[in-house]
PDB file of all heavy atoms in Angstrom:
ATOM      1  N   ILE A   1     -22.140 -52.489  59.994  1.00  0.00           N
ATOM      2  CA  ILE A   1     -22.925 -51.249  60.038  1.00  0.00           C
ATOM      3  C   ILE A   1     -23.391 -50.955  61.468  1.00  0.00           C
ATOM      4  O   ILE A   1     -23.225 -49.828  61.960  1.00  0.00           O
ATOM      5  CB  ILE A   1     -24.100 -51.324  59.049  1.00  0.00           C
ATOM      6  CG1 ILE A   1     -23.553 -51.301  57.618  1.00  0.00           C
ATOM      7  CG2 ILE A   1     -25.088 -50.184  59.287  1.00  0.00           C
ATOM      8  CD1 ILE A   1     -24.564 -51.684  56.549  1.00  0.00           C
ATOM      9  N   ALA A   2     -23.941 -51.956  62.139  1.00  0.00           N
ATOM     10  CA  ALA A   2     -24.472 -51.728  63.488  1.00  0.00           C
ATOM     11  C   ALA A   2     -23.360 -51.517  64.520  1.00  0.00           C
ATOM     12  O   ALA A   2     -23.334 -50.504  65.224  1.00  0.00           O
ATOM     13  CB  ALA A   2     -25.362 -52.892  63.897  1.00  0.00           C
ATOM     14  N   ALA A   3     -22.444 -52.463  64.611  1.00  0.00           N
ATOM     15  CA  ALA A   3     -21.392 -52.376  65.624  1.00  0.00           C
ATOM     16  C   ALA A   3     -20.363 -51.319  65.257  1.00  0.00           C
ATOM     17  O   ALA A   3     -19.859 -50.610  66.134  1.00  0.00           O
ATOM     18  CB  ALA A   3     -20.721 -53.734  65.805  1.00  0.00           C
ATOM     19  N   GLY A   4     -20.043 -51.199  63.973  1.00  0.00           N
ATOM     20  CA  GLY A   4     -19.053 -50.217  63.547  1.00  0.00           C
ATOM     21  C   GLY A   4     -19.509 -48.796  63.800  1.00  0.00           C
ATOM     22  O   GLY A   4     -18.712 -47.933  64.162  1.00  0.00           O
ATOM     23  N   ARG A   5     -20.782 -48.545  63.640  1.00  0.00           N
ATOM     24  CA  ARG A   5     -21.292 -47.196  63.908  1.00  0.00           C
ATOM     25  C   ARG A   5     -21.095 -46.861  65.380  1.00  0.00           C
ATOM     26  O   ARG A   5     -20.620 -45.785  65.730  1.00  0.00           O
ATOM     27  CB  ARG A   5     -22.766 -47.101  63.525  1.00  0.00           C
ATOM     28  CG  ARG A   5     -23.331 -45.711  63.732  1.00  0.00           C
ATOM     29  CD  ARG A   5     -24.794 -45.616  63.282  1.00  0.00           C
ATOM     30  NE  ARG A   5     -25.260 -44.252  63.317  1.00  0.00           N
ATOM     31  CZ  ARG A   5     -25.538 -43.575  64.416  1.00  0.00           C
ATOM     32  NH1 ARG A   5     -25.387 -44.136  65.590  1.00  0.00           N
ATOM     33  NH2 ARG A   5     -25.964 -42.328  64.363  1.00  0.00           N
ATOM     34  N   ARG A   6     -21.444 -47.794  66.234  1.00  0.00           N
ATOM     35  CA  ARG A   6     -21.360 -47.567  67.680  1.00  0.00           C
ATOM     36  C   ARG A   6     -19.913 -47.537  68.172  1.00  0.00           C
ATOM     37  O   ARG A   6     -19.521 -46.657  68.931  1.00  0.00           O
ATOM     38  CB  ARG A   6     -22.151 -48.642  68.422  1.00  0.00           C
ATOM     39  CG  ARG A   6     -22.176 -48.443  69.925  1.00  0.00           C
ATOM     40  CD  ARG A   6     -22.789 -49.619  70.662  1.00  0.00           C
ATOM     41  NE  ARG A   6     -21.880 -50.751  70.582  1.00  0.00           N
ATOM     42  CZ  ARG A   6     -22.195 -51.951  70.114  1.00  0.00           C
ATOM     43  NH1 ARG A   6     -23.407 -52.196  69.693  1.00  0.00           N
ATOM     44  NH2 ARG A   6     -21.310 -52.918  70.064  1.00  0.00           N
ATOM     45  N   ASP A   7     -19.110 -48.514  67.745  1.00  0.00           N
ATOM     46  CA  ASP A   7     -17.761 -48.683  68.299  1.00  0.00           C
ATOM     47  C   ASP A   7     -16.678 -47.890  67.576  1.00  0.00           C
ATOM     48  O   ASP A   7     -15.615 -47.652  68.147  1.00  0.00           O
ATOM     49  CB  ASP A   7     -17.357 -50.161  68.280  1.00  0.00           C
ATOM     50  CG  ASP A   7     -18.199 -51.008  69.209  1.00  0.00           C
ATOM     51  OD1 ASP A   7     -18.856 -50.441  70.104  1.00  0.00           O
ATOM     52  OD2 ASP A   7     -18.197 -52.240  69.038  1.00  0.00           O
ATOM     53  N   VAL A   8     -16.921 -47.506  66.336  1.00  0.00           N
ATOM     54  CA  VAL A   8     -15.876 -46.841  65.549  1.00  0.00           C
ATOM     55  C   VAL A   8     -16.312 -45.447  65.099  1.00  0.00           C
ATOM     56  O   VAL A   8     -15.613 -44.460  65.346  1.00  0.00           O
ATOM     57  CB  VAL A   8     -15.475 -47.691  64.323  1.00  0.00           C
ATOM     58  CG1 VAL A   8     -14.457 -46.968  63.469  1.00  0.00           C
ATOM     59  CG2 VAL A   8     -14.946 -49.044  64.771  1.00  0.00           C
ATOM     60  N   VAL A   9     -17.449 -45.348  64.436  1.00  0.00           N
ATOM     61  CA  VAL A   9     -17.834 -44.087  63.806  1.00  0.00           C
ATOM     62  C   VAL A   9     -18.166 -43.018  64.838  1.00  0.00           C
ATOM     63  O   VAL A   9     -17.655 -41.892  64.752  1.00  0.00           O
ATOM     64  CB  VAL A   9     -19.009 -44.290  62.826  1.00  0.00           C
ATOM     65  CG1 VAL A   9     -19.513 -42.966  62.287  1.00  0.00           C
ATOM     66  CG2 VAL A   9     -18.569 -45.185  61.675  1.00  0.00           C
ATOM     67  N   LEU A  10     -19.004 -43.319  65.804  1.00  0.00           N
ATOM     68  CA  LEU A  10     -19.375 -42.293  66.783  1.00  0.00           C
ATOM     69  C   LEU A  10     -18.170 -41.790  67.574  1.00  0.00           C
ATOM     70  O   LEU A  10     -18.002 -40.574  67.721  1.00  0.00           O
ATOM     71  CB  LEU A  10     -20.492 -42.803  67.701  1.00  0.00           C
ATOM     72  CG  LEU A  10     -21.838 -43.051  66.993  1.00  0.00           C
ATOM     73  CD1 LEU A  10     -22.862 -43.610  67.966  1.00  0.00           C
ATOM     74  CD2 LEU A  10     -22.347 -41.791  66.320  1.00  0.00           C
ATOM     75  N   PRO A  11     -17.272 -42.683  68.073  1.00  0.00           N
ATOM     76  CA  PRO A  11     -16.065 -42.159  68.729  1.00  0.00           C
ATOM     77  C   PRO A  11     -15.169 -41.358  67.777  1.00  0.00           C
ATOM     78  O   PRO A  11     -14.579 -40.347  68.172  1.00  0.00           O
ATOM     79  CB  PRO A  11     -15.345 -43.409  69.230  1.00  0.00           C
ATOM     80  CG  PRO A  11     -16.410 -44.442  69.345  1.00  0.00           C
ATOM     81  CD  PRO A  11     -17.388 -44.131  68.250  1.00  0.00           C
ATOM     82  N   LEU A  12     -15.074 -41.805  66.529  1.00  0.00           N
ATOM     83  CA  LEU A  12     -14.264 -41.074  65.550  1.00  0.00           C
ATOM     84  C   LEU A  12     -14.797 -39.660  65.356  1.00  0.00           C
ATOM     85  O   LEU A  12     -14.041 -38.687  65.379  1.00  0.00           O
ATOM     86  CB  LEU A  12     -14.246 -41.815  64.208  1.00  0.00           C
ATOM     87  CG  LEU A  12     -13.632 -41.055  63.036  1.00  0.00           C
ATOM     88  CD1 LEU A  12     -12.131 -40.900  63.223  1.00  0.00           C
ATOM     89  CD2 LEU A  12     -13.949 -41.765  61.727  1.00  0.00           C
ATOM     90  N   LEU A  13     -16.101 -39.539  65.174  1.00  0.00           N
ATOM     91  CA  LEU A  13     -16.688 -38.233  64.902  1.00  0.00           C
ATOM     92  C   LEU A  13     -16.627 -37.298  66.101  1.00  0.00           C
ATOM     93  O   LEU A  13     -16.670 -36.079  65.941  1.00  0.00           O
ATOM     94  CB  LEU A  13     -18.131 -38.391  64.405  1.00  0.00           C
ATOM     95  CG  LEU A  13     -18.275 -39.073  63.045  1.00  0.00           C
ATOM     96  CD1 LEU A  13     -19.739 -39.238  62.688  1.00  0.00           C
ATOM     97  CD2 LEU A  13     -17.529 -38.324  61.964  1.00  0.00           C
ATOM     98  N   SER A  14     -16.533 -37.846  67.299  1.00  0.00           N
ATOM     99  CA  SER A  14     -16.491 -36.996  68.488  1.00  0.00           C
ATOM    100  C   SER A  14     -15.068 -36.745  68.995  1.00  0.00           C
ATOM    101  O   SER A  14     -14.888 -36.044  69.980  1.00  0.00           O
ATOM    102  CB  SER A  14     -17.336 -37.615  69.601  1.00  0.00           C
ATOM    103  OG  SER A  14     -16.773 -38.836  70.026  1.00  0.00           O
ATOM    104  N   CYS A  15     -14.057 -37.291  68.326  1.00  0.00           N
ATOM    105  CA  CYS A  15     -12.680 -37.112  68.794  1.00  0.00           C
ATOM    106  C   CYS A  15     -12.099 -35.793  68.293  1.00  0.00           C
ATOM    107  O   CYS A  15     -12.703 -35.103  67.482  1.00  0.00           O
ATOM    108  CB  CYS A  15     -11.809 -38.292  68.379  1.00  0.00           C
ATOM    109  SG  CYS A  15     -11.270 -38.257  66.665  1.00  0.00           S
ATOM    110  N   GLY A  16     -10.914 -35.482  68.755  1.00  0.00           N
ATOM    111  CA  GLY A  16     -10.271 -34.217  68.424  1.00  0.00           C
ATOM    112  C   GLY A  16      -9.481 -34.222  67.131  1.00  0.00           C
ATOM    113  O   GLY A  16      -8.747 -33.279  66.856  1.00  0.00           O
ATOM    114  N   LEU A  17      -9.614 -35.243  66.326  1.00  0.00           N
ATOM    115  CA  LEU A  17      -8.908 -35.311  65.047  1.00  0.00           C
ATOM    116  C   LEU A  17      -9.363 -34.160  64.141  1.00  0.00           C
ATOM    117  O   LEU A  17     -10.522 -33.742  64.195  1.00  0.00           O
ATOM    118  CB  LEU A  17      -9.222 -36.665  64.386  1.00  0.00           C
ATOM    119  CG  LEU A  17      -8.444 -37.086  63.164  1.00  0.00           C
ATOM    120  CD1 LEU A  17      -6.958 -37.252  63.502  1.00  0.00           C
ATOM    121  CD2 LEU A  17      -8.989 -38.410  62.633  1.00  0.00           C
ATOM    122  N   ALA A  18      -8.463 -33.675  63.306  1.00  0.00           N
ATOM    123  CA  ALA A  18      -8.811 -32.603  62.361  1.00  0.00           C
ATOM    124  C   ALA A  18      -9.962 -33.045  61.462  1.00  0.00           C
ATOM    125  O   ALA A  18     -10.129 -34.234  61.182  1.00  0.00           O
ATOM    126  CB  ALA A  18      -7.588 -32.235  61.524  1.00  0.00           C
ATOM    127  N   ASP A  19     -10.753 -32.073  61.012  1.00  0.00           N
ATOM    128  CA  ASP A  19     -11.969 -32.390  60.252  1.00  0.00           C
ATOM    129  C   ASP A  19     -11.718 -33.181  58.972  1.00  0.00           C
ATOM    130  O   ASP A  19     -12.462 -34.109  58.664  1.00  0.00           O
ATOM    131  CB  ASP A  19     -12.736 -31.111  59.906  1.00  0.00           C
ATOM    132  CG  ASP A  19     -13.554 -30.605  61.076  1.00  0.00           C
ATOM    133  OD1 ASP A  19     -13.799 -31.387  62.020  1.00  0.00           O
ATOM    134  OD2 ASP A  19     -13.956 -29.435  61.047  1.00  0.00           O
ATOM    135  N   GLU A  20     -10.707 -32.813  58.198  1.00  0.00           N
ATOM    136  CA  GLU A  20     -10.503 -33.491  56.913  1.00  0.00           C
ATOM    137  C   GLU A  20     -10.190 -34.977  57.073  1.00  0.00           C
ATOM    138  O   GLU A  20     -10.872 -35.812  56.477  1.00  0.00           O
ATOM    139  CB  GLU A  20      -9.428 -32.805  56.083  1.00  0.00           C
ATOM    140  CG  GLU A  20      -9.342 -33.392  54.689  1.00  0.00           C
ATOM    141  CD  GLU A  20      -8.404 -32.625  53.785  1.00  0.00           C
ATOM    142  OE1 GLU A  20      -7.954 -31.527  54.138  1.00  0.00           O
ATOM    143  OE2 GLU A  20      -8.119 -33.148  52.699  1.00  0.00           O
ATOM    144  N   PRO A  21      -9.194 -35.390  57.882  1.00  0.00           N
ATOM    145  CA  PRO A  21      -8.966 -36.831  58.036  1.00  0.00           C
ATOM    146  C   PRO A  21     -10.151 -37.540  58.691  1.00  0.00           C
ATOM    147  O   PRO A  21     -10.454 -38.681  58.353  1.00  0.00           O
ATOM    148  CB  PRO A  21      -7.705 -36.929  58.895  1.00  0.00           C
ATOM    149  CG  PRO A  21      -7.399 -35.571  59.375  1.00  0.00           C
ATOM    150  CD  PRO A  21      -8.178 -34.596  58.566  1.00  0.00           C
ATOM    151  N   LYS A  22     -10.836 -36.852  59.582  1.00  0.00           N
ATOM    152  CA  LYS A  22     -12.017 -37.450  60.228  1.00  0.00           C
ATOM    153  C   LYS A  22     -13.083 -37.768  59.185  1.00  0.00           C
ATOM    154  O   LYS A  22     -13.652 -38.862  59.180  1.00  0.00           O
ATOM    155  CB  LYS A  22     -12.565 -36.474  61.273  1.00  0.00           C
ATOM    156  CG  LYS A  22     -13.707 -37.011  62.080  1.00  0.00           C
ATOM    157  CD  LYS A  22     -14.336 -35.964  62.995  1.00  0.00           C
ATOM    158  CE  LYS A  22     -13.367 -35.322  63.924  1.00  0.00           C
ATOM    159  NZ  LYS A  22     -14.025 -34.444  64.919  1.00  0.00           N
ATOM    160  N   ARG A  23     -13.338 -36.835  58.277  1.00  0.00           N
ATOM    161  CA  ARG A  23     -14.370 -37.043  57.245  1.00  0.00           C
ATOM    162  C   ARG A  23     -13.931 -38.087  56.225  1.00  0.00           C
ATOM    163  O   ARG A  23     -14.743 -38.862  55.726  1.00  0.00           O
ATOM    164  CB  ARG A  23     -14.700 -35.723  56.551  1.00  0.00           C
ATOM    165  CG  ARG A  23     -15.292 -34.691  57.475  1.00  0.00           C
ATOM    166  CD  ARG A  23     -16.567 -35.181  58.123  1.00  0.00           C
ATOM    167  NE  ARG A  23     -16.969 -34.262  59.180  1.00  0.00           N
ATOM    168  CZ  ARG A  23     -17.829 -34.571  60.129  1.00  0.00           C
ATOM    169  NH1 ARG A  23     -18.369 -35.764  60.170  1.00  0.00           N
ATOM    170  NH2 ARG A  23     -18.141 -33.694  61.044  1.00  0.00           N
ATOM    171  N   VAL A  24     -12.647 -38.126  55.907  1.00  0.00           N
ATOM    172  CA  VAL A  24     -12.142 -39.149  54.980  1.00  0.00           C
ATOM    173  C   VAL A  24     -12.317 -40.532  55.598  1.00  0.00           C
ATOM    174  O   VAL A  24     -12.797 -41.464  54.932  1.00  0.00           O
ATOM    175  CB  VAL A  24     -10.667 -38.887  54.605  1.00  0.00           C
ATOM    176  CG1 VAL A  24     -10.068 -40.079  53.870  1.00  0.00           C
ATOM    177  CG2 VAL A  24     -10.551 -37.626  53.758  1.00  0.00           C
ATOM    178  N   LEU A  25     -11.954 -40.695  56.854  1.00  0.00           N
ATOM    179  CA  LEU A  25     -12.126 -41.995  57.521  1.00  0.00           C
ATOM    180  C   LEU A  25     -13.595 -42.384  57.607  1.00  0.00           C
ATOM    181  O   LEU A  25     -13.952 -43.555  57.436  1.00  0.00           O
ATOM    182  CB  LEU A  25     -11.491 -41.963  58.910  1.00  0.00           C
ATOM    183  CG  LEU A  25      -9.969 -41.895  58.920  1.00  0.00           C
ATOM    184  CD1 LEU A  25      -9.456 -41.627  60.331  1.00  0.00           C
ATOM    185  CD2 LEU A  25      -9.375 -43.169  58.357  1.00  0.00           C
ATOM    186  N   HIS A  26     -14.469 -41.403  57.838  1.00  0.00           N
ATOM    187  CA  HIS A  26     -15.910 -41.677  57.872  1.00  0.00           C
ATOM    188  C   HIS A  26     -16.400 -42.130  56.493  1.00  0.00           C
ATOM    189  O   HIS A  26     -17.183 -43.083  56.383  1.00  0.00           O
ATOM    190  CB  HIS A  26     -16.649 -40.426  58.340  1.00  0.00           C
ATOM    191  CG  HIS A  26     -18.090 -40.646  58.646  1.00  0.00           C
ATOM    192  ND1 HIS A  26     -19.013 -39.638  58.613  1.00  0.00           N
ATOM    193  CD2 HIS A  26     -18.783 -41.755  58.991  1.00  0.00           C
ATOM    194  CE1 HIS A  26     -20.206 -40.116  58.920  1.00  0.00           C
ATOM    195  NE2 HIS A  26     -20.089 -41.405  59.147  1.00  0.00           N
ATOM    196  N   ALA A  27     -15.910 -41.477  55.439  1.00  0.00           N
ATOM    197  CA  ALA A  27     -16.282 -41.876  54.073  1.00  0.00           C
ATOM    198  C   ALA A  27     -15.775 -43.279  53.761  1.00  0.00           C
ATOM    199  O   ALA A  27     -16.482 -44.076  53.125  1.00  0.00           O
ATOM    200  CB  ALA A  27     -15.734 -40.877  53.065  1.00  0.00           C
ATOM    201  N   VAL A  28     -14.570 -43.606  54.196  1.00  0.00           N
ATOM    202  CA  VAL A  28     -14.023 -44.948  53.971  1.00  0.00           C
ATOM    203  C   VAL A  28     -14.884 -45.990  54.668  1.00  0.00           C
ATOM    204  O   VAL A  28     -15.154 -47.062  54.109  1.00  0.00           O
ATOM    205  CB  VAL A  28     -12.547 -45.030  54.428  1.00  0.00           C
ATOM    206  CG1 VAL A  28     -12.053 -46.468  54.459  1.00  0.00           C
ATOM    207  CG2 VAL A  28     -11.673 -44.181  53.526  1.00  0.00           C
ATOM    208  N   TRP A  29     -15.345 -45.694  55.873  1.00  0.00           N
ATOM    209  CA  TRP A  29     -16.230 -46.633  56.579  1.00  0.00           C
ATOM    210  C   TRP A  29     -17.501 -46.877  55.751  1.00  0.00           C
ATOM    211  O   TRP A  29     -17.950 -48.013  55.609  1.00  0.00           O
ATOM    212  CB  TRP A  29     -16.575 -46.097  57.976  1.00  0.00           C
ATOM    213  CG  TRP A  29     -17.456 -47.015  58.741  1.00  0.00           C
ATOM    214  CD1 TRP A  29     -17.085 -48.129  59.451  1.00  0.00           C
ATOM    215  CD2 TRP A  29     -18.871 -46.930  58.859  1.00  0.00           C
ATOM    216  NE1 TRP A  29     -18.185 -48.735  60.005  1.00  0.00           N
ATOM    217  CE2 TRP A  29     -19.300 -48.016  59.656  1.00  0.00           C
ATOM    218  CE3 TRP A  29     -19.829 -46.041  58.372  1.00  0.00           C
ATOM    219  CZ2 TRP A  29     -20.628 -48.228  59.976  1.00  0.00           C
ATOM    220  CZ3 TRP A  29     -21.155 -46.251  58.699  1.00  0.00           C
ATOM    221  CH2 TRP A  29     -21.538 -47.342  59.493  1.00  0.00           C
ATOM    222  N   HIS A  30     -18.063 -45.804  55.179  1.00  0.00           N
ATOM    223  CA  HIS A  30     -19.252 -45.963  54.329  1.00  0.00           C
ATOM    224  C   HIS A  30     -18.924 -46.752  53.064  1.00  0.00           C
ATOM    225  O   HIS A  30     -19.742 -47.579  52.617  1.00  0.00           O
ATOM    226  CB  HIS A  30     -19.845 -44.599  53.962  1.00  0.00           C
ATOM    227  CG  HIS A  30     -20.633 -43.982  55.060  1.00  0.00           C
ATOM    228  ND1 HIS A  30     -21.817 -44.499  55.532  1.00  0.00           N
ATOM    229  CD2 HIS A  30     -20.387 -42.874  55.805  1.00  0.00           C
ATOM    230  CE1 HIS A  30     -22.288 -43.753  56.506  1.00  0.00           C
ATOM    231  NE2 HIS A  30     -21.429 -42.759  56.699  1.00  0.00           N
ATOM    232  N   MET A  31     -17.747 -46.528  52.481  1.00  0.00           N
ATOM    233  CA  MET A  31     -17.353 -47.284  51.287  1.00  0.00           C
ATOM    234  C   MET A  31     -17.284 -48.774  51.595  1.00  0.00           C
ATOM    235  O   MET A  31     -17.753 -49.608  50.803  1.00  0.00           O
ATOM    236  CB  MET A  31     -16.001 -46.794  50.758  1.00  0.00           C
ATOM    237  CG  MET A  31     -16.055 -45.445  50.102  1.00  0.00           C
ATOM    238  SD  MET A  31     -14.437 -44.717  49.676  1.00  0.00           S
ATOM    239  CE  MET A  31     -13.438 -46.077  49.239  1.00  0.00           C
ATOM    240  N   VAL A  32     -16.716 -49.126  52.724  1.00  0.00           N
ATOM    241  CA  VAL A  32     -16.631 -50.535  53.111  1.00  0.00           C
ATOM    242  C   VAL A  32     -18.029 -51.093  53.349  1.00  0.00           C
ATOM    243  O   VAL A  32     -18.327 -52.226  52.950  1.00  0.00           O
ATOM    244  CB  VAL A  32     -15.722 -50.713  54.348  1.00  0.00           C
ATOM    245  CG1 VAL A  32     -15.797 -52.131  54.884  1.00  0.00           C
ATOM    246  CG2 VAL A  32     -14.290 -50.341  54.001  1.00  0.00           C
ATOM    247  N   SER A  33     -18.908 -50.319  53.967  1.00  0.00           N
ATOM    248  CA  SER A  33     -20.289 -50.770  54.182  1.00  0.00           C
ATOM    249  C   SER A  33     -20.952 -51.112  52.853  1.00  0.00           C
ATOM    250  O   SER A  33     -21.576 -52.171  52.705  1.00  0.00           O
ATOM    251  CB  SER A  33     -21.116 -49.684  54.889  1.00  0.00           C
ATOM    252  OG  SER A  33     -20.570 -49.350  56.129  1.00  0.00           O
ATOM    253  N   ILE A  34     -20.809 -50.237  51.884  1.00  0.00           N
ATOM    254  CA  ILE A  34     -21.392 -50.455  50.549  1.00  0.00           C
ATOM    255  C   ILE A  34     -20.769 -51.676  49.892  1.00  0.00           C
ATOM    256  O   ILE A  34     -21.476 -52.524  49.321  1.00  0.00           O
ATOM    257  CB  ILE A  34     -21.216 -49.195  49.680  1.00  0.00           C
ATOM    258  CG1 ILE A  34     -22.069 -48.056  50.235  1.00  0.00           C
ATOM    259  CG2 ILE A  34     -21.546 -49.477  48.221  1.00  0.00           C
ATOM    260  CD1 ILE A  34     -21.699 -46.685  49.700  1.00  0.00           C
ATOM    261  N   ASP A  35     -19.447 -51.808  49.993  1.00  0.00           N
ATOM    262  CA  ASP A  35     -18.756 -52.950  49.398  1.00  0.00           C
ATOM    263  C   ASP A  35     -19.233 -54.270  49.996  1.00  0.00           C
ATOM    264  O   ASP A  35     -19.460 -55.244  49.271  1.00  0.00           O
ATOM    265  CB  ASP A  35     -17.248 -52.795  49.570  1.00  0.00           C
ATOM    266  CG  ASP A  35     -16.486 -53.943  48.945  1.00  0.00           C
ATOM    267  OD1 ASP A  35     -16.624 -54.127  47.719  1.00  0.00           O
ATOM    268  OD2 ASP A  35     -15.784 -54.658  49.671  1.00  0.00           O
ATOM    269  N   LEU A  36     -19.395 -54.315  51.304  1.00  0.00           N
ATOM    270  CA  LEU A  36     -19.846 -55.548  51.946  1.00  0.00           C
ATOM    271  C   LEU A  36     -21.257 -55.930  51.514  1.00  0.00           C
ATOM    272  O   LEU A  36     -21.539 -57.097  51.225  1.00  0.00           O
ATOM    273  CB  LEU A  36     -19.776 -55.404  53.474  1.00  0.00           C
ATOM    274  CG  LEU A  36     -18.376 -55.310  54.072  1.00  0.00           C
ATOM    275  CD1 LEU A  36     -18.456 -54.959  55.554  1.00  0.00           C
ATOM    276  CD2 LEU A  36     -17.593 -56.580  53.855  1.00  0.00           C
ATOM    277  N   VAL A  37     -22.146 -54.950  51.440  1.00  0.00           N
ATOM    278  CA  VAL A  37     -23.522 -55.224  50.999  1.00  0.00           C
ATOM    279  C   VAL A  37     -23.534 -55.681  49.540  1.00  0.00           C
ATOM    280  O   VAL A  37     -24.179 -56.682  49.195  1.00  0.00           O
ATOM    281  CB  VAL A  37     -24.425 -53.989  51.209  1.00  0.00           C
ATOM    282  CG1 VAL A  37     -25.777 -54.175  50.539  1.00  0.00           C
ATOM    283  CG2 VAL A  37     -24.606 -53.704  52.699  1.00  0.00           C
ATOM    284  N   LEU A  38     -22.816 -54.965  48.669  1.00  0.00           N
ATOM    285  CA  LEU A  38     -22.788 -55.337  47.246  1.00  0.00           C
ATOM    286  C   LEU A  38     -22.151 -56.713  47.035  1.00  0.00           C
ATOM    287  O   LEU A  38     -22.585 -57.469  46.163  1.00  0.00           O
ATOM    288  CB  LEU A  38     -22.059 -54.282  46.423  1.00  0.00           C
ATOM    289  CG  LEU A  38     -22.794 -52.954  46.257  1.00  0.00           C
ATOM    290  CD1 LEU A  38     -21.929 -51.959  45.486  1.00  0.00           C
ATOM    291  CD2 LEU A  38     -24.131 -53.156  45.569  1.00  0.00           C
ATOM    292  N   SER A  39     -21.140 -57.043  47.830  1.00  0.00           N
ATOM    293  CA  SER A  39     -20.522 -58.368  47.725  1.00  0.00           C
ATOM    294  C   SER A  39     -21.515 -59.460  48.091  1.00  0.00           C
ATOM    295  O   SER A  39     -21.579 -60.504  47.436  1.00  0.00           O
ATOM    296  CB  SER A  39     -19.290 -58.456  48.630  1.00  0.00           C
ATOM    297  OG  SER A  39     -18.298 -57.584  48.182  1.00  0.00           O
ATOM    298  N   GLY A  40     -22.282 -59.235  49.146  1.00  0.00           N
ATOM    299  CA  GLY A  40     -23.314 -60.206  49.519  1.00  0.00           C
ATOM    300  C   GLY A  40     -24.345 -60.380  48.418  1.00  0.00           C
ATOM    301  O   GLY A  40     -24.725 -61.500  48.069  1.00  0.00           O
ATOM    302  N   LEU A  41     -24.776 -59.269  47.828  1.00  0.00           N
ATOM    303  CA  LEU A  41     -25.740 -59.341  46.722  1.00  0.00           C
ATOM    304  C   LEU A  41     -25.137 -60.031  45.505  1.00  0.00           C
ATOM    305  O   LEU A  41     -25.818 -60.809  44.822  1.00  0.00           O
ATOM    306  CB  LEU A  41     -26.232 -57.939  46.360  1.00  0.00           C
ATOM    307  CG  LEU A  41     -27.043 -57.219  47.443  1.00  0.00           C
ATOM    308  CD1 LEU A  41     -27.382 -55.800  47.002  1.00  0.00           C
ATOM    309  CD2 LEU A  41     -28.299 -58.000  47.791  1.00  0.00           C
ATOM    310  N   ALA A  42     -23.865 -59.755  45.227  1.00  0.00           N
ATOM    311  CA  ALA A  42     -23.192 -60.422  44.107  1.00  0.00           C
ATOM    312  C   ALA A  42     -23.160 -61.930  44.321  1.00  0.00           C
ATOM    313  O   ALA A  42     -23.387 -62.707  43.381  1.00  0.00           O
ATOM    314  CB  ALA A  42     -21.779 -59.872  43.936  1.00  0.00           C
ATOM    315  N   LEU A  43     -22.898 -62.349  45.556  1.00  0.00           N
ATOM    316  CA  LEU A  43     -22.870 -63.789  45.836  1.00  0.00           C
ATOM    317  C   LEU A  43     -24.258 -64.410  45.701  1.00  0.00           C
ATOM    318  O   LEU A  43     -24.382 -65.538  45.221  1.00  0.00           O
ATOM    319  CB  LEU A  43     -22.270 -64.050  47.221  1.00  0.00           C
ATOM    320  CG  LEU A  43     -20.768 -63.796  47.303  1.00  0.00           C
ATOM    321  CD1 LEU A  43     -20.291 -63.841  48.749  1.00  0.00           C
ATOM    322  CD2 LEU A  43     -20.007 -64.791  46.448  1.00  0.00           C
ATOM    323  N   PHE A  44     -25.299 -63.692  46.103  1.00  0.00           N
ATOM    324  CA  PHE A  44     -26.665 -64.199  45.879  1.00  0.00           C
ATOM    325  C   PHE A  44     -26.919 -64.378  44.389  1.00  0.00           C
ATOM    326  O   PHE A  44     -27.463 -65.398  43.958  1.00  0.00           O
ATOM    327  CB  PHE A  44     -27.719 -63.244  46.457  1.00  0.00           C
ATOM    328  CG  PHE A  44     -27.865 -63.297  47.938  1.00  0.00           C
ATOM    329  CD1 PHE A  44     -27.821 -62.137  48.685  1.00  0.00           C
ATOM    330  CD2 PHE A  44     -28.063 -64.498  48.611  1.00  0.00           C
ATOM    331  CE1 PHE A  44     -27.956 -62.158  50.061  1.00  0.00           C
ATOM    332  CE2 PHE A  44     -28.197 -64.538  49.986  1.00  0.00           C
ATOM    333  CZ  PHE A  44     -28.147 -63.367  50.710  1.00  0.00           C
ATOM    334  N   CYS A  45     -26.525 -63.385  43.595  1.00  0.00           N
ATOM    335  CA  CYS A  45     -26.700 -63.483  42.139  1.00  0.00           C
ATOM    336  C   CYS A  45     -25.888 -64.629  41.561  1.00  0.00           C
ATOM    337  O   CYS A  45     -26.379 -65.368  40.695  1.00  0.00           O
ATOM    338  CB  CYS A  45     -26.319 -62.167  41.466  1.00  0.00           C
ATOM    339  SG  CYS A  45     -27.462 -60.823  41.812  1.00  0.00           S
ATOM    340  N   LEU A  46     -24.659 -64.803  42.039  1.00  0.00           N
ATOM    341  CA  LEU A  46     -23.830 -65.914  41.560  1.00  0.00           C
ATOM    342  C   LEU A  46     -24.450 -67.262  41.899  1.00  0.00           C
ATOM    343  O   LEU A  46     -24.309 -68.223  41.141  1.00  0.00           O
ATOM    344  CB  LEU A  46     -22.425 -65.833  42.154  1.00  0.00           C
ATOM    345  CG  LEU A  46     -21.513 -64.738  41.622  1.00  0.00           C
ATOM    346  CD1 LEU A  46     -20.200 -64.721  42.392  1.00  0.00           C
ATOM    347  CD2 LEU A  46     -21.255 -64.928  40.137  1.00  0.00           C
ATOM    348  N   SER A  47     -25.148 -67.329  43.020  1.00  0.00           N
ATOM    349  CA  SER A  47     -25.765 -68.609  43.408  1.00  0.00           C
ATOM    350  C   SER A  47     -26.861 -69.023  42.420  1.00  0.00           C
ATOM    351  O   SER A  47     -27.162 -70.198  42.284  1.00  0.00           O
ATOM    352  CB  SER A  47     -26.333 -68.540  44.822  1.00  0.00           C
ATOM    353  OG  SER A  47     -27.529 -67.790  44.878  1.00  0.00           O
ATOM    354  N   LEU A  48     -27.416 -68.061  41.718  1.00  0.00           N
ATOM    355  CA  LEU A  48     -28.486 -68.334  40.752  1.00  0.00           C
ATOM    356  C   LEU A  48     -28.000 -68.375  39.312  1.00  0.00           C
ATOM    357  O   LEU A  48     -28.779 -68.673  38.414  1.00  0.00           O
ATOM    358  CB  LEU A  48     -29.567 -67.251  40.871  1.00  0.00           C
ATOM    359  CG  LEU A  48     -30.205 -67.102  42.252  1.00  0.00           C
ATOM    360  CD1 LEU A  48     -31.107 -65.878  42.279  1.00  0.00           C
ATOM    361  CD2 LEU A  48     -30.970 -68.356  42.623  1.00  0.00           C
TER     362      LEU A  48
END
């Protein structure tokens, strides 16, 4: 979330790519962020 926003998302959003693929890639980045957080929480739950 921290490094990806700085190194990937901000350059992506400011590049000359067409709006639709740019927004899809931005949404995919958010999907991965959610997946990583939920996976960590799932592992905490599994530990108990």
